[in-house]
């Protein structure tokens, strides 16, 4: 949006500077990043005085993950059944449903045979 009531500034006017031809290269721009020196070190985490702190943090994270895994182990018969269902793949689930359906059909045939005679 522009300023409706103000005067145009001479600094930001794109037509105040001389132009260039279509095929020429753009004017060189100052790159503020070129003056920043590159640093090759990785630095340190806050509060650490040596690389040993990162190993401590890594081992603490590993210990916490092991504790969470122990806490999430199934408890009792229902927990074991639920863990078994969660571990089952889609193919295994479909196979179990298919076996149940076959058993139901066999039971229906048997009951029809008994009722017929």
Protein backbone atom coordinates (compact mmCIF):
# COMPACT_ATOMS: atom_id res chain seq x y z
CA UNK A 1 0.00 0.00 0.00
CA UNK A 2 1.18 3.48 -0.68
CA UNK A 3 1.02 6.69 1.25
CA UNK A 4 -1.94 8.62 -0.13
CA UNK A 5 -1.27 12.02 1.40
CA UNK A 6 2.52 12.03 1.74
CA UNK A 7 5.29 13.14 -0.58
CA UNK A 8 7.30 10.47 -2.43
CA UNK A 9 10.76 9.91 -0.99
CA UNK A 10 13.74 10.34 -3.27
CA UNK A 11 15.68 7.47 -1.59
CA UNK A 12 13.32 4.63 -2.47
CA UNK A 13 12.35 5.83 -5.92
CA UNK A 14 13.50 3.13 -8.38
CA UNK A 15 13.60 5.64 -11.22
CA UNK A 16 15.96 8.07 -9.46
CA UNK A 17 19.00 5.92 -10.37
CA UNK A 18 20.31 5.43 -13.89
CA UNK A 19 18.95 2.39 -15.68
CA UNK A 20 20.69 -0.48 -17.44
CA UNK A 21 20.07 -2.45 -20.62
CA UNK A 22 18.09 -5.66 -20.67
CA UNK A 23 21.05 -7.96 -21.37
CA UNK A 24 23.45 -6.50 -18.80
CA UNK A 25 24.21 -8.08 -15.44
CA UNK A 26 22.54 -6.74 -12.30
CA UNK A 27 24.53 -4.23 -10.25
CA UNK A 28 26.72 -5.74 -7.53
CA UNK A 29 25.06 -5.78 -4.14
CA UNK A 30 26.83 -5.73 -0.84
CA UNK A 31 26.63 -9.08 0.87
CA UNK A 32 26.58 -8.72 4.63
CA UNK A 33 27.24 -12.45 5.08
CA UNK A 34 30.57 -12.24 3.25
CA UNK A 35 32.06 -10.19 6.08
CA UNK A 36 31.13 -12.75 8.76
CA UNK A 37 34.04 -15.13 9.45
CA UNK A 38 33.37 -18.87 9.27
CA UNK A 39 33.73 -20.84 12.47
CA UNK A 40 34.69 -24.50 12.11
CA UNK A 41 34.08 -25.62 15.70
CA UNK A 42 30.73 -27.07 16.72
CA UNK A 43 30.58 -25.15 19.98
CA UNK A 44 29.38 -26.27 23.38
CA UNK A 45 25.99 -26.70 24.95
CA UNK A 46 25.01 -24.30 27.69
CA UNK A 47 26.32 -25.25 31.09
CA UNK A 48 28.83 -27.80 29.84
CA UNK A 49 32.57 -27.43 30.12
CA UNK A 50 33.61 -30.46 28.11
CA UNK A 51 32.31 -33.03 25.62
CA UNK A 52 31.56 -35.34 28.54
CA UNK A 53 28.26 -33.55 29.16
CA UNK A 54 26.84 -34.68 25.83
CA UNK A 55 27.63 -38.30 26.72
CA UNK A 56 25.91 -37.82 30.08
CA UNK A 57 22.85 -36.40 28.39
CA UNK A 58 22.83 -39.25 25.90
CA UNK A 59 23.09 -41.87 28.64
CA UNK A 60 20.39 -40.12 30.68
CA UNK A 61 18.09 -40.16 27.66
CA UNK A 62 18.81 -43.86 27.14
CA UNK A 63 18.02 -44.62 30.78
CA UNK A 64 14.76 -42.66 30.56
CA UNK A 65 13.76 -44.57 27.41
CA UNK A 66 14.44 -47.90 29.14
CA UNK A 67 12.31 -46.84 32.12
CA UNK A 68 9.44 -45.87 29.82
CA UNK A 69 9.70 -49.21 28.03
CA UNK A 70 9.54 -51.06 31.35
CA UNK A 71 6.54 -49.01 32.47
CA UNK A 72 4.66 -49.77 29.23
CA UNK A 73 5.01 -53.54 29.50
CA UNK A 74 1.66 -55.35 29.55
CA UNK A 75 0.25 -56.22 32.95
CA UNK A 76 -1.88 -59.29 33.52
CA UNK A 77 -3.75 -61.48 31.07
CA UNK A 78 -5.65 -58.64 29.40
CA UNK A 79 -2.46 -56.64 28.93
CA UNK A 80 -0.73 -59.60 27.30
CA UNK A 81 -3.73 -60.21 25.02
CA UNK A 82 -3.80 -56.55 24.04
CA UNK A 83 -0.05 -56.55 23.31
CA UNK A 84 -0.49 -59.66 21.17
CA UNK A 85 -3.29 -58.00 19.17
CA UNK A 86 -1.24 -54.85 18.67
CA UNK A 87 1.71 -56.87 17.42
CA UNK A 88 -0.43 -58.74 14.91
CA UNK A 89 -0.19 -57.63 11.29
CA UNK A 90 -3.09 -56.95 8.95
CA UNK A 91 -2.58 -60.29 7.22
CA UNK A 92 -2.66 -62.13 10.54
CA UNK A 93 -5.85 -60.34 11.57
CA UNK A 94 -7.57 -61.21 8.30
CA UNK A 95 -6.45 -64.84 8.63
CA UNK A 96 -7.96 -65.07 12.13
CA UNK A 97 -11.25 -63.60 10.91
CA UNK A 98 -11.27 -66.08 8.03
CA UNK A 99 -10.68 -69.04 10.37
CA UNK A 100 -13.50 -67.87 12.65
CA UNK A 101 -15.85 -67.61 9.67
CA UNK A 102 -14.94 -71.15 8.49
CA UNK A 103 -15.61 -72.54 11.98
CA UNK A 104 -18.99 -70.79 12.07
CA UNK A 105 -19.96 -72.24 8.66
CA UNK A 106 -18.94 -75.75 9.74
CA UNK A 107 -21.04 -75.39 12.90
CA UNK A 108 -24.02 -74.22 10.81
CA UNK A 109 -23.65 -77.21 8.45
CA UNK A 110 -23.44 -79.60 11.38
CA UNK A 111 -26.56 -78.12 13.01
CA UNK A 112 -28.46 -78.29 9.69
CA UNK A 113 -27.45 -81.92 9.25
CA UNK A 114 -28.60 -82.78 12.77
CA UNK A 115 -31.92 -80.93 12.30
CA UNK A 116 -32.58 -82.60 8.94
CA UNK A 117 -32.33 -86.12 10.33
